[in-house]
Amino acid sequence: MTQPTCVCFSGVPGSSKTPIANYLGMIFGFPRFENDAIRSEVKEDLLKDINDFDAKKEFETRLEFRLKNIISLKKDFIMDASIDRKWENLKKYLQDNGYVYFLIDITLSKEKLINLYKIKGYSESLSFLDTSIQEHEIFLSKFKPDIGVQITDATFSDRLQISRKFLQDFLLIQK
């Protein structure tokens, strides 16, 4: 029996994880585990901002429950969220549960990210950009060997095809 695969992403918020996750999910038939969907659900159910203590706690509870559930199914899936701050624990959890992982890193320049934020209407996120970039640099300094493929400014326009090719090659080796 082959090990199930979890496709993960590292990169700052707004760096194009979701478009890649959507594309790969469609191509490979992997369901997506979406932090943003759970975040929206909690906001709607509680009618509270996600930064409210109760909403944040409920989000974390649902996130953990659903992640445990999908992992218990032993199915391939895509983690449509940045794992930068949680990678060490998530990696161990996946491995302890018999999963292999394929990590797609998106490392873009600040200028590229600012342009993406502007086009997406993320102007409120610009204030967090420097902190997010620093957190991502810390992640890279610790976990660069775990990365299966890296998307940069130079390869950004081909990110879907590049991610598909590298994941396909990885799956051929694993399966």
N, C-alpha and C. Protein backbone atom coordinates (compact mmCIF):
# COMPACT_ATOMS: atom_id res chain seq x y z
N MET A 1 0.84 -1.18 0.00
CA MET A 1 0.00 0.00 0.00
C MET A 1 0.89 1.25 0.00
N THR A 2 0.55 2.19 -0.84
CA THR A 2 1.34 3.41 -0.91
C THR A 2 0.89 4.39 0.18
N GLN A 3 1.81 5.25 0.55
CA GLN A 3 1.51 6.25 1.56
C GLN A 3 0.68 7.38 0.96
N PRO A 4 -0.28 7.90 1.71
CA PRO A 4 -1.02 9.07 1.22
C PRO A 4 -0.11 10.30 1.20
N THR A 5 -0.46 11.25 0.33
CA THR A 5 0.33 12.46 0.15
C THR A 5 -0.45 13.68 0.60
N CYS A 6 0.25 14.59 1.26
CA CYS A 6 -0.29 15.90 1.59
C CYS A 6 0.55 16.93 0.84
N VAL A 7 -0.10 17.73 0.00
CA VAL A 7 0.57 18.82 -0.70
C VAL A 7 0.42 20.05 0.19
N CYS A 8 1.55 20.66 0.54
CA CYS A 8 1.57 21.81 1.45
C CYS A 8 2.21 23.01 0.76
N PHE A 9 1.96 24.18 1.33
CA PHE A 9 2.50 25.44 0.79
C PHE A 9 3.19 26.24 1.87
N SER A 10 4.31 26.83 1.49
CA SER A 10 4.93 27.84 2.33
C SER A 10 4.95 29.13 1.52
N GLY A 11 4.82 30.24 2.22
CA GLY A 11 4.82 31.53 1.55
C GLY A 11 3.94 32.50 2.30
N VAL A 12 4.16 33.77 2.06
CA VAL A 12 3.39 34.80 2.76
C VAL A 12 1.94 34.79 2.28
N PRO A 13 1.02 35.30 3.10
CA PRO A 13 -0.38 35.40 2.66
C PRO A 13 -0.48 36.19 1.35
N GLY A 14 -1.35 35.72 0.47
CA GLY A 14 -1.57 36.42 -0.79
C GLY A 14 -0.57 36.14 -1.88
N SER A 15 0.26 35.11 -1.70
CA SER A 15 1.33 34.84 -2.68
C SER A 15 0.92 33.86 -3.78
N SER A 16 -0.34 33.44 -3.83
CA SER A 16 -0.89 32.60 -4.89
C SER A 16 -1.00 31.13 -4.53
N LYS A 17 -1.11 30.83 -3.25
CA LYS A 17 -1.27 29.44 -2.84
C LYS A 17 -2.61 28.87 -3.34
N THR A 18 -3.68 29.62 -3.15
CA THR A 18 -5.01 29.12 -3.52
C THR A 18 -5.17 28.84 -5.01
N PRO A 19 -4.71 29.72 -5.90
CA PRO A 19 -4.82 29.36 -7.33
C PRO A 19 -4.05 28.08 -7.68
N ILE A 20 -2.90 27.89 -7.07
CA ILE A 20 -2.13 26.66 -7.33
C ILE A 20 -2.88 25.47 -6.73
N ALA A 21 -3.38 25.62 -5.51
CA ALA A 21 -4.14 24.53 -4.87
C ALA A 21 -5.37 24.16 -5.69
N ASN A 22 -6.09 25.15 -6.19
CA ASN A 22 -7.27 24.87 -7.03
C ASN A 22 -6.88 24.08 -8.27
N TYR A 23 -5.83 24.53 -8.93
CA TYR A 23 -5.38 23.88 -10.16
C TYR A 23 -4.94 22.44 -9.89
N LEU A 24 -4.10 22.25 -8.88
CA LEU A 24 -3.62 20.90 -8.58
C LEU A 24 -4.75 19.99 -8.12
N GLY A 25 -5.68 20.54 -7.36
CA GLY A 25 -6.83 19.75 -6.92
C GLY A 25 -7.63 19.25 -8.10
N MET A 26 -7.83 20.12 -9.08
CA MET A 26 -8.57 19.76 -10.28
C MET A 26 -7.81 18.70 -11.09
N ILE A 27 -6.52 18.89 -11.28
CA ILE A 27 -5.72 17.98 -12.10
C ILE A 27 -5.57 16.60 -11.45
N PHE A 28 -5.28 16.58 -10.14
CA PHE A 28 -4.97 15.32 -9.48
C PHE A 28 -6.15 14.73 -8.70
N GLY A 29 -7.24 15.47 -8.61
CA GLY A 29 -8.40 14.98 -7.90
C GLY A 29 -8.23 14.96 -6.39
N PHE A 30 -7.33 15.78 -5.87
CA PHE A 30 -7.10 15.84 -4.43
C PHE A 30 -8.07 16.85 -3.81
N PRO A 31 -8.76 16.48 -2.73
CA PRO A 31 -9.56 17.48 -2.03
C PRO A 31 -8.66 18.52 -1.37
N ARG A 32 -9.22 19.71 -1.18
CA ARG A 32 -8.47 20.80 -0.56
C ARG A 32 -8.94 21.00 0.88
N PHE A 33 -7.99 21.09 1.78
CA PHE A 33 -8.26 21.45 3.16
C PHE A 33 -7.98 22.95 3.24
N GLU A 34 -9.06 23.75 3.43
CA GLU A 34 -8.95 25.20 3.30
C GLU A 34 -9.13 25.92 4.63
N ASN A 35 -8.06 26.51 5.14
CA ASN A 35 -8.17 27.33 6.34
C ASN A 35 -9.15 28.48 6.15
N ASP A 36 -9.11 29.13 4.99
CA ASP A 36 -9.96 30.29 4.74
C ASP A 36 -11.45 29.92 4.77
N ALA A 37 -11.80 28.75 4.28
CA ALA A 37 -13.19 28.32 4.31
C ALA A 37 -13.66 28.11 5.75
N ILE A 38 -12.81 27.52 6.56
CA ILE A 38 -13.16 27.31 7.97
C ILE A 38 -13.24 28.65 8.70
N ARG A 39 -12.33 29.55 8.38
CA ARG A 39 -12.34 30.90 8.97
C ARG A 39 -13.65 31.63 8.64
N SER A 40 -14.08 31.56 7.38
CA SER A 40 -15.35 32.19 6.97
C SER A 40 -16.54 31.55 7.67
N GLU A 41 -16.52 30.25 7.76
CA GLU A 41 -17.61 29.52 8.43
C GLU A 41 -17.75 29.97 9.88
N VAL A 42 -16.63 30.10 10.59
CA VAL A 42 -16.67 30.52 11.99
C VAL A 42 -17.20 31.94 12.11
N LYS A 43 -16.74 32.83 11.25
CA LYS A 43 -17.23 34.21 11.28
C LYS A 43 -18.74 34.24 11.05
N GLU A 44 -19.22 33.47 10.11
CA GLU A 44 -20.66 33.43 9.80
C GLU A 44 -21.46 32.80 10.94
N ASP A 45 -20.95 31.70 11.51
CA ASP A 45 -21.67 31.01 12.58
C ASP A 45 -21.74 31.85 13.85
N LEU A 46 -20.65 32.51 14.20
CA LEU A 46 -20.59 33.27 15.45
C LEU A 46 -20.93 34.75 15.27
N LEU A 47 -20.98 35.19 14.01
CA LEU A 47 -21.19 36.61 13.70
C LEU A 47 -20.19 37.48 14.46
N LYS A 48 -18.94 37.01 14.43
CA LYS A 48 -17.85 37.73 15.10
C LYS A 48 -16.65 37.77 14.19
N ASP A 49 -15.84 38.81 14.37
CA ASP A 49 -14.57 38.92 13.66
C ASP A 49 -13.67 37.78 14.11
N ILE A 50 -12.90 37.25 13.20
CA ILE A 50 -12.04 36.10 13.51
C ILE A 50 -10.99 36.45 14.57
N ASN A 51 -10.70 37.72 14.78
CA ASN A 51 -9.74 38.11 15.81
C ASN A 51 -10.35 38.17 17.19
N ASP A 52 -11.67 38.07 17.28
CA ASP A 52 -12.34 37.97 18.57
C ASP A 52 -11.86 36.68 19.25
N PHE A 53 -11.64 36.72 20.55
CA PHE A 53 -11.10 35.58 21.28
C PHE A 53 -11.91 34.32 21.05
N ASP A 54 -13.24 34.41 21.19
CA ASP A 54 -14.09 33.23 21.02
C ASP A 54 -14.02 32.68 19.59
N ALA A 55 -14.02 33.57 18.62
CA ALA A 55 -13.97 33.14 17.22
C ALA A 55 -12.62 32.50 16.91
N LYS A 56 -11.57 33.08 17.42
CA LYS A 56 -10.24 32.53 17.17
C LYS A 56 -10.12 31.13 17.78
N LYS A 57 -10.63 30.98 18.99
CA LYS A 57 -10.59 29.68 19.67
C LYS A 57 -11.42 28.64 18.90
N GLU A 58 -12.61 29.05 18.46
CA GLU A 58 -13.47 28.14 17.69
C GLU A 58 -12.82 27.75 16.36
N PHE A 59 -12.18 28.72 15.71
CA PHE A 59 -11.47 28.43 14.45
C PHE A 59 -10.39 27.38 14.68
N GLU A 60 -9.58 27.56 15.71
CA GLU A 60 -8.51 26.59 15.99
C GLU A 60 -9.08 25.21 16.31
N THR A 61 -10.18 25.18 17.05
CA THR A 61 -10.82 23.90 17.39
C THR A 61 -11.30 23.17 16.14
N ARG A 62 -12.00 23.90 15.27
CA ARG A 62 -12.52 23.28 14.04
C ARG A 62 -11.38 22.87 13.11
N LEU A 63 -10.37 23.70 13.03
CA LEU A 63 -9.22 23.41 12.18
C LEU A 63 -8.56 22.10 12.61
N GLU A 64 -8.30 21.98 13.89
CA GLU A 64 -7.65 20.77 14.41
C GLU A 64 -8.53 19.53 14.21
N PHE A 65 -9.83 19.66 14.50
CA PHE A 65 -10.76 18.54 14.34
C PHE A 65 -10.80 18.07 12.89
N ARG A 66 -10.92 19.01 11.97
CA ARG A 66 -11.05 18.65 10.55
C ARG A 66 -9.75 18.10 9.99
N LEU A 67 -8.63 18.64 10.44
CA LEU A 67 -7.34 18.10 9.98
C LEU A 67 -7.18 16.66 10.46
N LYS A 68 -7.49 16.42 11.71
CA LYS A 68 -7.42 15.03 12.23
C LYS A 68 -8.34 14.12 11.44
N ASN A 69 -9.52 14.61 11.10
CA ASN A 69 -10.49 13.82 10.36
C ASN A 69 -9.96 13.46 8.97
N ILE A 70 -9.47 14.43 8.23
CA ILE A 70 -9.00 14.13 6.87
C ILE A 70 -7.78 13.21 6.91
N ILE A 71 -6.92 13.40 7.89
CA ILE A 71 -5.74 12.53 8.00
C ILE A 71 -6.15 11.11 8.38
N SER A 72 -7.18 10.97 9.19
CA SER A 72 -7.64 9.63 9.57
C SER A 72 -8.18 8.86 8.38
N LEU A 73 -8.61 9.56 7.34
CA LEU A 73 -9.13 8.91 6.14
C LEU A 73 -8.01 8.33 5.25
N LYS A 74 -6.78 8.76 5.51
CA LYS A 74 -5.60 8.29 4.76
C LYS A 74 -5.72 8.57 3.27
N LYS A 75 -6.30 9.73 2.94
CA LYS A 75 -6.44 10.13 1.54
C LYS A 75 -5.44 11.22 1.22
N ASP A 76 -5.06 11.27 -0.05
CA ASP A 76 -4.26 12.39 -0.53
C ASP A 76 -5.08 13.66 -0.39
N PHE A 77 -4.42 14.77 -0.03
CA PHE A 77 -5.13 16.05 0.04
C PHE A 77 -4.16 17.21 -0.09
N ILE A 78 -4.73 18.38 -0.33
CA ILE A 78 -3.95 19.61 -0.46
C ILE A 78 -4.28 20.50 0.73
N MET A 79 -3.26 20.94 1.42
CA MET A 79 -3.41 21.86 2.55
C MET A 79 -3.29 23.28 1.99
N ASP A 80 -4.44 23.90 1.72
CA ASP A 80 -4.47 25.23 1.11
C ASP A 80 -4.33 26.29 2.20
N ALA A 81 -3.10 26.43 2.68
CA ALA A 81 -2.77 27.40 3.74
C ALA A 81 -1.25 27.46 3.83
N SER A 82 -0.76 28.54 4.36
CA SER A 82 0.68 28.62 4.58
C SER A 82 1.03 27.86 5.85
N ILE A 83 2.06 27.05 5.77
CA ILE A 83 2.48 26.24 6.90
C ILE A 83 3.74 26.81 7.56
N ASP A 84 4.14 28.01 7.17
CA ASP A 84 5.41 28.58 7.65
C ASP A 84 5.59 28.49 9.16
N ARG A 85 4.60 28.90 9.93
CA ARG A 85 4.73 28.92 11.39
C ARG A 85 4.42 27.58 12.04
N LYS A 86 3.81 26.66 11.30
CA LYS A 86 3.37 25.39 11.89
C LYS A 86 4.08 24.18 11.31
N TRP A 87 5.06 24.39 10.45
CA TRP A 87 5.62 23.29 9.69
C TRP A 87 6.23 22.20 10.54
N GLU A 88 7.01 22.54 11.52
CA GLU A 88 7.69 21.52 12.32
C GLU A 88 6.67 20.54 12.92
N ASN A 89 5.61 21.06 13.51
CA ASN A 89 4.59 20.19 14.12
C ASN A 89 3.76 19.46 13.06
N LEU A 90 3.38 20.16 12.00
CA LEU A 90 2.58 19.53 10.95
C LEU A 90 3.37 18.41 10.26
N LYS A 91 4.61 18.67 9.95
CA LYS A 91 5.46 17.66 9.30
C LYS A 91 5.52 16.39 10.16
N LYS A 92 5.75 16.55 11.45
CA LYS A 92 5.82 15.39 12.35
C LYS A 92 4.47 14.68 12.40
N TYR A 93 3.39 15.43 12.48
CA TYR A 93 2.05 14.86 12.54
C TYR A 93 1.74 14.05 11.28
N LEU A 94 2.08 14.62 10.13
CA LEU A 94 1.87 13.90 8.87
C LEU A 94 2.68 12.60 8.84
N GLN A 95 3.95 12.70 9.17
CA GLN A 95 4.81 11.51 9.15
C GLN A 95 4.35 10.46 10.16
N ASP A 96 3.96 10.91 11.35
CA ASP A 96 3.48 9.97 12.37
C ASP A 96 2.22 9.24 11.93
N ASN A 97 1.47 9.84 11.00
CA ASN A 97 0.23 9.24 10.51
C ASN A 97 0.39 8.59 9.13
N GLY A 98 1.64 8.35 8.74
CA GLY A 98 1.90 7.59 7.52
C GLY A 98 1.84 8.38 6.23
N TYR A 99 1.87 9.70 6.31
CA TYR A 99 1.83 10.55 5.12
C TYR A 99 3.22 10.91 4.64
N VAL A 100 3.33 11.10 3.33
CA VAL A 100 4.46 11.80 2.75
C VAL A 100 3.95 13.19 2.38
N TYR A 101 4.85 14.12 2.25
CA TYR A 101 4.43 15.49 1.93
C TYR A 101 5.18 15.99 0.71
N PHE A 102 4.53 16.88 0.00
CA PHE A 102 5.17 17.60 -1.10
C PHE A 102 4.96 19.07 -0.80
N LEU A 103 6.05 19.78 -0.59
CA LEU A 103 6.00 21.17 -0.16
C LEU A 103 6.34 22.11 -1.32
N ILE A 104 5.38 22.97 -1.63
CA ILE A 104 5.55 23.99 -2.66
C ILE A 104 5.83 25.31 -1.95
N ASP A 105 6.98 25.88 -2.23
CA ASP A 105 7.34 27.16 -1.62
C ASP A 105 7.14 28.28 -2.63
N ILE A 106 6.56 29.37 -2.15
CA ILE A 106 6.39 30.55 -3.00
C ILE A 106 7.16 31.69 -2.33
N THR A 107 8.31 32.01 -2.89
CA THR A 107 9.15 33.08 -2.36
C THR A 107 9.21 34.19 -3.39
N LEU A 108 8.49 35.26 -3.11
CA LEU A 108 8.40 36.38 -4.04
C LEU A 108 9.00 37.63 -3.41
N SER A 109 9.47 38.52 -4.27
CA SER A 109 10.03 39.78 -3.79
C SER A 109 8.92 40.63 -3.18
N LYS A 110 9.32 41.56 -2.34
CA LYS A 110 8.36 42.47 -1.73
C LYS A 110 7.60 43.25 -2.80
N GLU A 111 8.30 43.66 -3.84
CA GLU A 111 7.67 44.42 -4.93
C GLU A 111 6.58 43.59 -5.62
N LYS A 112 6.88 42.33 -5.89
CA LYS A 112 5.90 41.45 -6.53
C LYS A 112 4.68 41.25 -5.62
N LEU A 113 4.94 41.06 -4.33
CA LEU A 113 3.85 40.87 -3.38
C LEU A 113 2.97 42.12 -3.27
N ILE A 114 3.59 43.30 -3.25
CA ILE A 114 2.83 44.55 -3.20
C ILE A 114 1.92 44.65 -4.42
N ASN A 115 2.44 44.32 -5.59
CA ASN A 115 1.62 44.35 -6.81
C ASN A 115 0.47 43.35 -6.73
N LEU A 116 0.73 42.16 -6.22
CA LEU A 116 -0.34 41.16 -6.05
C LEU A 116 -1.39 41.65 -5.06
N TYR A 117 -0.94 42.22 -3.95
CA TYR A 117 -1.87 42.73 -2.94
C TYR A 117 -2.76 43.82 -3.52
N LYS A 118 -2.16 44.70 -4.30
CA LYS A 118 -2.94 45.80 -4.89
C LYS A 118 -4.00 45.27 -5.84
N ILE A 119 -3.63 44.34 -6.70
CA ILE A 119 -4.57 43.82 -7.68
C ILE A 119 -5.68 42.99 -7.01
N LYS A 120 -5.36 42.37 -5.87
CA LYS A 120 -6.35 41.57 -5.14
C LYS A 120 -7.16 42.39 -4.15
N GLY A 121 -6.79 43.66 -3.97
CA GLY A 121 -7.51 44.51 -3.01
C GLY A 121 -7.16 44.20 -1.57
N TYR A 122 -5.93 43.74 -1.32
CA TYR A 122 -5.49 43.40 0.03
C TYR A 122 -4.76 44.57 0.69
N SER A 123 -5.17 45.80 0.47
CA SER A 123 -4.43 46.96 0.96
C SER A 123 -4.25 46.92 2.48
N GLU A 124 -5.24 46.37 3.22
CA GLU A 124 -5.09 46.30 4.68
C GLU A 124 -3.98 45.34 5.10
N SER A 125 -3.63 44.39 4.24
CA SER A 125 -2.58 43.42 4.55
C SER A 125 -1.18 43.97 4.36
N LEU A 126 -1.06 45.10 3.67
CA LEU A 126 0.27 45.67 3.44
C LEU A 126 1.01 45.97 4.74
N SER A 127 0.25 46.30 5.79
CA SER A 127 0.89 46.61 7.07
C SER A 127 1.54 45.37 7.70
N PHE A 128 1.10 44.19 7.32
CA PHE A 128 1.66 42.95 7.86
C PHE A 128 2.71 42.32 6.94
N LEU A 129 2.94 42.94 5.80
CA LEU A 129 3.80 42.32 4.80
C LEU A 129 5.23 42.10 5.29
N ASP A 130 5.83 43.11 5.89
CA ASP A 130 7.22 42.96 6.35
C ASP A 130 7.35 41.83 7.37
N THR A 131 6.40 41.75 8.29
CA THR A 131 6.42 40.67 9.30
C THR A 131 6.27 39.32 8.63
N SER A 132 5.35 39.22 7.67
CA SER A 132 5.14 37.95 6.96
C SER A 132 6.38 37.53 6.19
N ILE A 133 7.05 38.49 5.55
CA ILE A 133 8.28 38.19 4.82
C ILE A 133 9.36 37.70 5.77
N GLN A 134 9.49 38.33 6.92
CA GLN A 134 10.48 37.90 7.91
C GLN A 134 10.18 36.48 8.41
N GLU A 135 8.92 36.21 8.69
CA GLU A 135 8.54 34.86 9.13
C GLU A 135 8.87 33.82 8.06
N HIS A 136 8.63 34.18 6.81
CA HIS A 136 8.92 33.25 5.72
C HIS A 136 10.43 33.03 5.59
N GLU A 137 11.21 34.07 5.76
CA GLU A 137 12.67 33.92 5.70
C GLU A 137 13.18 33.01 6.81
N ILE A 138 12.59 33.11 7.99
CA ILE A 138 12.95 32.21 9.10
C ILE A 138 12.60 30.77 8.73
N PHE A 139 11.41 30.58 8.17
CA PHE A 139 11.01 29.25 7.72
C PHE A 139 12.05 28.69 6.74
N LEU A 140 12.41 29.49 5.73
CA LEU A 140 13.37 29.03 4.72
C LEU A 140 14.73 28.68 5.34
N SER A 141 15.17 29.45 6.31
CA SER A 141 16.47 29.18 6.93
C SER A 141 16.48 27.84 7.67
N LYS A 142 15.32 27.41 8.14
CA LYS A 142 15.23 26.14 8.89
C LYS A 142 14.86 24.94 8.03
N PHE A 143 14.00 25.17 7.02
CA PHE A 143 13.37 24.02 6.37
C PHE A 143 13.54 23.96 4.85
N LYS A 144 14.49 24.68 4.30
CA LYS A 144 14.67 24.69 2.85
C LYS A 144 14.82 23.27 2.26
N PRO A 145 15.50 22.33 2.95
CA PRO A 145 15.62 20.97 2.39
C PRO A 145 14.27 20.24 2.21
N ASP A 146 13.23 20.68 2.90
CA ASP A 146 11.93 20.02 2.79
C ASP A 146 11.15 20.43 1.54
N ILE A 147 11.60 21.46 0.86
CA ILE A 147 10.86 22.02 -0.27
C ILE A 147 11.00 21.15 -1.51
N GLY A 148 9.86 20.84 -2.13
CA GLY A 148 9.85 20.04 -3.36
C GLY A 148 10.02 20.89 -4.60
N VAL A 149 9.47 22.10 -4.58
CA VAL A 149 9.62 23.04 -5.69
C VAL A 149 9.44 24.44 -5.14
N GLN A 150 10.19 25.38 -5.70
CA GLN A 150 10.09 26.77 -5.27
C GLN A 150 9.66 27.66 -6.44
N ILE A 151 8.67 28.47 -6.18
CA ILE A 151 8.18 29.45 -7.15
C ILE A 151 8.76 30.81 -6.76
N THR A 152 9.33 31.52 -7.72
CA THR A 152 9.94 32.83 -7.49
C THR A 152 9.35 33.84 -8.47
N ASP A 153 9.81 35.07 -8.37
CA ASP A 153 9.36 36.09 -9.33
C ASP A 153 9.59 35.61 -10.77
N ALA A 154 10.75 35.00 -11.00
CA ALA A 154 11.12 34.57 -12.35
C ALA A 154 10.23 33.46 -12.89
N THR A 155 9.69 32.62 -12.01
CA THR A 155 8.87 31.48 -12.45
C THR A 155 7.39 31.66 -12.16
N PHE A 156 7.01 32.80 -11.60
CA PHE A 156 5.64 33.01 -11.14
C PHE A 156 4.59 32.82 -12.24
N SER A 157 4.85 33.34 -13.42
CA SER A 157 3.84 33.24 -14.48
C SER A 157 3.61 31.79 -14.93
N ASP A 158 4.55 30.90 -14.64
CA ASP A 158 4.42 29.48 -14.99
C ASP A 158 4.16 28.62 -13.75
N ARG A 159 3.73 29.22 -12.64
CA ARG A 159 3.61 28.53 -11.35
C ARG A 159 2.69 27.31 -11.40
N LEU A 160 1.62 27.37 -12.18
CA LEU A 160 0.69 26.24 -12.23
C LEU A 160 1.33 25.04 -12.91
N GLN A 161 1.94 25.28 -14.06
CA GLN A 161 2.56 24.19 -14.81
C GLN A 161 3.77 23.63 -14.06
N ILE A 162 4.55 24.50 -13.46
CA ILE A 162 5.73 24.04 -12.71
C ILE A 162 5.30 23.19 -11.52
N SER A 163 4.31 23.66 -10.78
CA SER A 163 3.82 22.90 -9.62
C SER A 163 3.27 21.55 -10.07
N ARG A 164 2.53 21.54 -11.17
CA ARG A 164 1.98 20.29 -11.69
C ARG A 164 3.09 19.31 -12.06
N LYS A 165 4.08 19.78 -12.78
CA LYS A 165 5.16 18.90 -13.22
C LYS A 165 5.92 18.29 -12.03
N PHE A 166 6.30 19.14 -11.08
CA PHE A 166 7.08 18.64 -9.95
C PHE A 166 6.25 17.71 -9.06
N LEU A 167 4.97 18.02 -8.88
CA LEU A 167 4.11 17.13 -8.09
C LEU A 167 3.91 15.81 -8.83
N GLN A 168 3.69 15.88 -10.13
CA GLN A 168 3.51 14.66 -10.92
C GLN A 168 4.76 13.77 -10.82
N ASP A 169 5.94 14.36 -10.95
CA ASP A 169 7.19 13.60 -10.83
C ASP A 169 7.32 12.98 -9.42
N PHE A 170 6.97 13.75 -8.40
CA PHE A 170 7.02 13.27 -7.03
C PHE A 170 6.08 12.08 -6.83
N LEU A 171 4.87 12.20 -7.34
CA LEU A 171 3.89 11.12 -7.19
C LEU A 171 4.30 9.86 -7.93
N LEU A 172 4.93 10.02 -9.08
CA LEU A 172 5.42 8.84 -9.81
C LEU A 172 6.46 8.08 -9.01
N ILE A 173 7.30 8.80 -8.30
CA ILE A 173 8.33 8.17 -7.46
C ILE A 173 7.69 7.51 -6.25
N GLN A 174 6.72 8.20 -5.63
CA GLN A 174 6.08 7.71 -4.40
C GLN A 174 5.13 6.55 -4.63
N LYS A 175 4.40 6.58 -5.72
CA LYS A 175 3.32 5.61 -5.94
C LYS A 175 3.81 4.49 -6.77
